[in-house]
Amino acid sequence: MELLLVIGVVAVLVVFLYPSLVRAKQKSQRISCTSYQKQIALGFRIWAGDNTNAYPMRISVESGGSKEFIASGETFRHFQVMSNELSTPAVLKCPSDKERTQIRNFVPTLSNSNVSYFVGIDADETEPQRILTGDRIIFKGVRPPNGVVGLTSNNFSGWSADIHQGWINVALADGSGQGYSSNRMREALGQTGVQTNWLQLP
């Protein structure tokens, strides 16, 4: 009888505590994701400082950038050229992203399947509110072959809740990391200073 009572009490505690434990884990993963994106944004800024103040997406491959890979859809290449600045590709995978695989070496294995974040291919360091990188789920729909999509505040329809349950993390060209609701993301798109924000999804 005492054993049944203990089991009953434990079961009740699990029922009441489990949702809050899940929420705590989700919040922790969202914070880690924001931290990763800040590291990535810092990597972009350091790389740009060493390369005529331009991000790799704007510099040709023969000059050390990744511009030509926009056409191929190999989004991971924009991160790969920054291997020295990022130190590890582990930061390219969001802890909440179950569809991506974390790896520890940039070569020879890095591919889009190891990347949770899109790249703002027209981001510019001189425009601090431009979106530089963020959760790949920002776009609802079928990924185009080259992964390039254009978002505006008028055509933005939100994202799936697969990763952060209604939130999305992005990093801006000024290096800051932000967590947005759908409405706040729409406002942010309107504050970037351009009509269309061009992103490449992994």
Protein backbone atom coordinates (compact mmCIF):
# COMPACT_ATOMS: atom_id res chain seq x y z
CA MET A 1 0.00 0.00 0.00
CA GLU A 2 2.83 2.40 0.89
CA LEU A 3 4.61 1.55 -2.36
CA LEU A 4 1.44 2.32 -4.35
CA LEU A 5 1.13 5.64 -2.49
CA VAL A 6 4.74 6.57 -3.32
CA ILE A 7 4.23 5.61 -6.98
CA GLY A 8 1.03 7.68 -7.06
CA VAL A 9 2.77 10.74 -5.57
CA VAL A 10 5.66 10.42 -8.03
CA ALA A 11 3.22 10.11 -10.95
CA VAL A 12 1.36 13.26 -9.85
CA LEU A 13 4.65 15.17 -9.50
CA VAL A 14 5.75 14.08 -12.96
CA VAL A 15 2.42 15.20 -14.47
CA PHE A 16 2.71 18.64 -12.88
CA LEU A 17 6.47 19.20 -13.27
CA TYR A 18 7.04 17.79 -16.76
CA PRO A 19 5.55 20.75 -18.71
CA SER A 20 7.71 23.24 -16.79
CA LEU A 21 10.82 21.10 -17.36
CA VAL A 22 10.07 21.00 -21.09
CA ARG A 23 9.58 24.79 -21.16
CA ALA A 24 12.87 25.31 -19.29
CA LYS A 25 14.71 23.10 -21.78
CA GLN A 26 13.17 24.94 -24.74
CA LYS A 27 14.16 28.31 -23.26
CA SER A 28 17.70 27.09 -22.64
CA GLN A 29 18.00 25.88 -26.24
CA ARG A 30 16.64 29.18 -27.57
CA ILE A 31 19.24 31.07 -25.53
CA SER A 32 22.01 28.79 -26.85
CA CYS A 33 20.78 29.37 -30.40
CA THR A 34 20.90 33.17 -29.90
CA SER A 35 24.41 32.84 -28.51
CA TYR A 36 25.52 30.80 -31.54
CA GLN A 37 24.09 33.38 -33.90
CA LYS A 38 25.91 36.19 -32.11
CA GLN A 39 29.15 34.22 -32.51
CA ILE A 40 28.40 33.76 -36.21
CA ALA A 41 27.61 37.48 -36.64
CA LEU A 42 30.88 38.36 -34.91
CA GLY A 43 32.68 35.95 -37.25
CA PHE A 44 31.14 37.72 -40.25
CA ARG A 45 32.22 41.11 -38.92
CA ILE A 46 35.79 39.97 -38.23
CA TRP A 47 36.00 38.37 -41.68
CA ALA A 48 34.70 41.55 -43.28
CA GLY A 49 37.27 43.62 -41.38
CA ASP A 50 40.00 41.58 -43.06
CA ASN A 51 38.36 41.64 -46.51
CA THR A 52 37.54 45.18 -47.69
CA ASN A 53 34.67 45.48 -45.17
CA ALA A 54 32.46 43.11 -47.18
CA TYR A 55 30.87 39.85 -46.13
CA PRO A 56 31.92 36.67 -47.99
CA MET A 57 28.63 36.54 -49.94
CA ARG A 58 29.73 39.71 -51.76
CA ILE A 59 33.27 38.62 -52.61
CA SER A 60 34.21 36.21 -55.40
CA VAL A 61 35.61 32.77 -54.65
CA GLU A 62 38.92 33.62 -56.30
CA SER A 63 39.31 36.48 -53.79
CA GLY A 64 38.51 34.20 -50.85
CA GLY A 65 34.75 34.80 -50.65
CA SER A 66 31.68 32.71 -51.45
CA LYS A 67 29.65 34.81 -53.90
CA GLU A 68 29.45 32.14 -56.63
CA PHE A 69 27.96 29.61 -54.22
CA ILE A 70 24.74 31.63 -54.06
CA ALA A 71 23.79 30.21 -57.47
CA SER A 72 24.67 26.64 -56.45
CA GLY A 73 22.53 26.61 -53.30
CA GLU A 74 25.49 25.58 -51.12
CA THR A 75 24.67 27.88 -48.21
CA PHE A 76 27.24 26.17 -45.99
CA ARG A 77 30.04 27.62 -48.13
CA HIS A 78 29.41 31.12 -46.73
CA PHE A 79 30.21 29.75 -43.27
CA GLN A 80 33.03 27.49 -44.44
CA VAL A 81 35.13 30.41 -45.72
CA MET A 82 34.94 31.83 -42.18
CA SER A 83 36.35 28.69 -40.54
CA ASN A 84 39.16 30.65 -38.86
CA GLU A 85 36.73 33.20 -37.41
CA LEU A 86 34.14 30.63 -36.25
CA SER A 87 36.68 28.07 -34.92
CA THR A 88 34.14 25.23 -34.95
CA PRO A 89 31.16 24.30 -37.14
CA ALA A 90 29.33 23.13 -34.00
CA VAL A 91 27.84 26.65 -33.70
CA LEU A 92 26.09 26.24 -37.06
CA LYS A 93 23.56 23.76 -35.64
CA CYS A 94 20.78 25.03 -33.38
CA PRO A 95 20.31 22.77 -30.30
CA SER A 96 16.56 22.59 -31.06
CA ASP A 97 16.96 21.65 -34.72
CA LYS A 98 16.33 17.91 -34.94
CA GLU A 99 16.73 17.80 -38.73
CA ARG A 100 20.35 18.94 -38.76
CA THR A 101 23.51 17.11 -37.62
CA GLN A 102 26.23 18.79 -35.59
CA ILE A 103 29.82 18.17 -36.68
CA ARG A 104 33.21 19.22 -35.33
CA ASN A 105 35.29 19.82 -38.50
CA PHE A 106 34.75 22.20 -41.39
CA VAL A 107 36.37 19.92 -43.95
CA PRO A 108 35.72 17.61 -45.61
CA THR A 109 32.26 16.91 -44.19
CA LEU A 110 30.44 20.26 -43.79
CA SER A 111 27.27 20.51 -45.89
CA ASN A 112 23.83 22.15 -45.73
CA SER A 113 22.67 19.24 -43.56
CA ASN A 114 24.92 20.58 -40.77
CA VAL A 115 23.59 24.14 -40.91
CA SER A 116 20.51 25.45 -39.06
CA TYR A 117 20.84 29.07 -40.17
CA PHE A 118 20.10 31.06 -43.31
CA VAL A 119 22.41 33.79 -44.61
CA GLY A 120 21.30 37.31 -45.55
CA ILE A 121 23.10 37.34 -48.90
CA ASP A 122 22.73 41.09 -49.39
CA ALA A 123 23.57 42.01 -45.78
CA ASP A 124 25.98 44.90 -45.41
CA GLU A 125 27.97 45.99 -42.39
CA THR A 126 27.12 49.63 -43.13
CA GLU A 127 23.38 48.88 -42.68
CA PRO A 128 23.16 47.64 -39.07
CA GLN A 129 19.47 46.63 -39.13
CA ARG A 130 19.87 44.27 -42.09
CA ILE A 131 19.30 40.60 -41.28
CA LEU A 132 22.59 38.71 -41.43
CA THR A 133 21.65 35.21 -40.28
CA GLY A 134 18.83 33.37 -38.52
CA ASP A 135 16.80 30.21 -38.05
CA ARG A 136 16.30 28.38 -41.36
CA ILE A 137 12.55 27.96 -40.67
CA ILE A 138 11.91 31.64 -41.44
CA PHE A 139 10.41 30.70 -44.81
CA LYS A 140 7.14 28.75 -45.14
CA GLY A 141 7.08 26.74 -48.32
CA VAL A 142 9.26 24.63 -50.56
CA ARG A 143 12.93 25.59 -50.57
CA PRO A 144 13.93 26.85 -54.04
CA PRO A 145 16.80 24.88 -55.70
CA ASN A 146 19.33 27.58 -54.86
CA GLY A 147 17.73 28.28 -51.47
CA VAL A 148 17.30 31.99 -52.23
CA VAL A 149 14.09 33.66 -51.04
CA GLY A 150 13.07 37.30 -50.83
CA LEU A 151 11.15 38.45 -47.75
CA THR A 152 9.37 41.74 -47.13
CA SER A 153 7.14 42.87 -44.29
CA ASN A 154 4.18 42.52 -46.71
CA ASN A 155 4.85 38.98 -47.95
CA PHE A 156 6.11 37.50 -44.69
CA SER A 157 3.74 34.77 -43.48
CA GLY A 158 5.62 33.43 -40.46
CA TRP A 159 7.29 30.08 -39.94
CA SER A 160 6.69 26.61 -38.59
CA ALA A 161 6.99 26.04 -34.85
CA ASP A 162 9.36 23.11 -35.35
CA ILE A 163 12.36 24.69 -33.67
CA HIS A 164 11.47 27.42 -31.17
CA GLN A 165 7.71 27.00 -30.69
CA GLY A 166 6.54 30.29 -32.17
CA TRP A 167 9.80 32.26 -31.88
CA ILE A 168 12.58 32.85 -34.35
CA ASN A 169 16.14 33.92 -33.64
CA VAL A 170 18.08 36.18 -35.98
CA ALA A 171 21.36 38.11 -35.87
CA LEU A 172 21.57 41.54 -37.44
CA ALA A 173 24.45 43.11 -39.34
CA ASP A 174 25.34 45.12 -36.20
CA GLY A 175 26.19 41.81 -34.47
CA SER A 176 23.19 41.75 -32.14
CA GLY A 177 21.07 38.64 -31.61
CA GLN A 178 17.29 38.95 -31.45
CA GLY A 179 14.39 36.66 -30.61
CA TYR A 180 11.20 37.63 -32.45
CA SER A 181 7.55 36.72 -32.49
CA SER A 182 5.91 36.63 -35.94
CA ASN A 183 4.56 40.19 -35.62
CA ARG A 184 7.85 41.56 -34.35
CA MET A 185 9.70 39.84 -37.20
CA ARG A 186 7.38 41.54 -39.69
CA GLU A 187 8.23 44.90 -38.08
CA ALA A 188 11.96 44.08 -38.19
CA LEU A 189 11.74 43.31 -41.92
CA GLY A 190 10.21 46.75 -42.41
CA GLN A 191 13.06 48.41 -40.51
CA THR A 192 15.94 46.95 -42.53
CA GLY A 193 16.03 49.93 -44.89
CA VAL A 194 15.38 47.85 -48.04
CA GLN A 195 12.20 46.68 -49.72
CA THR A 196 13.25 43.03 -50.02
CA ASN A 197 15.60 41.04 -47.80
CA TRP A 198 17.30 38.29 -49.81
CA LEU A 199 18.13 35.20 -47.79
CA GLN A 200 19.69 31.88 -48.70
CA LEU A 201 18.32 28.88 -46.82
CA PRO A 202 20.50 25.82 -46.13
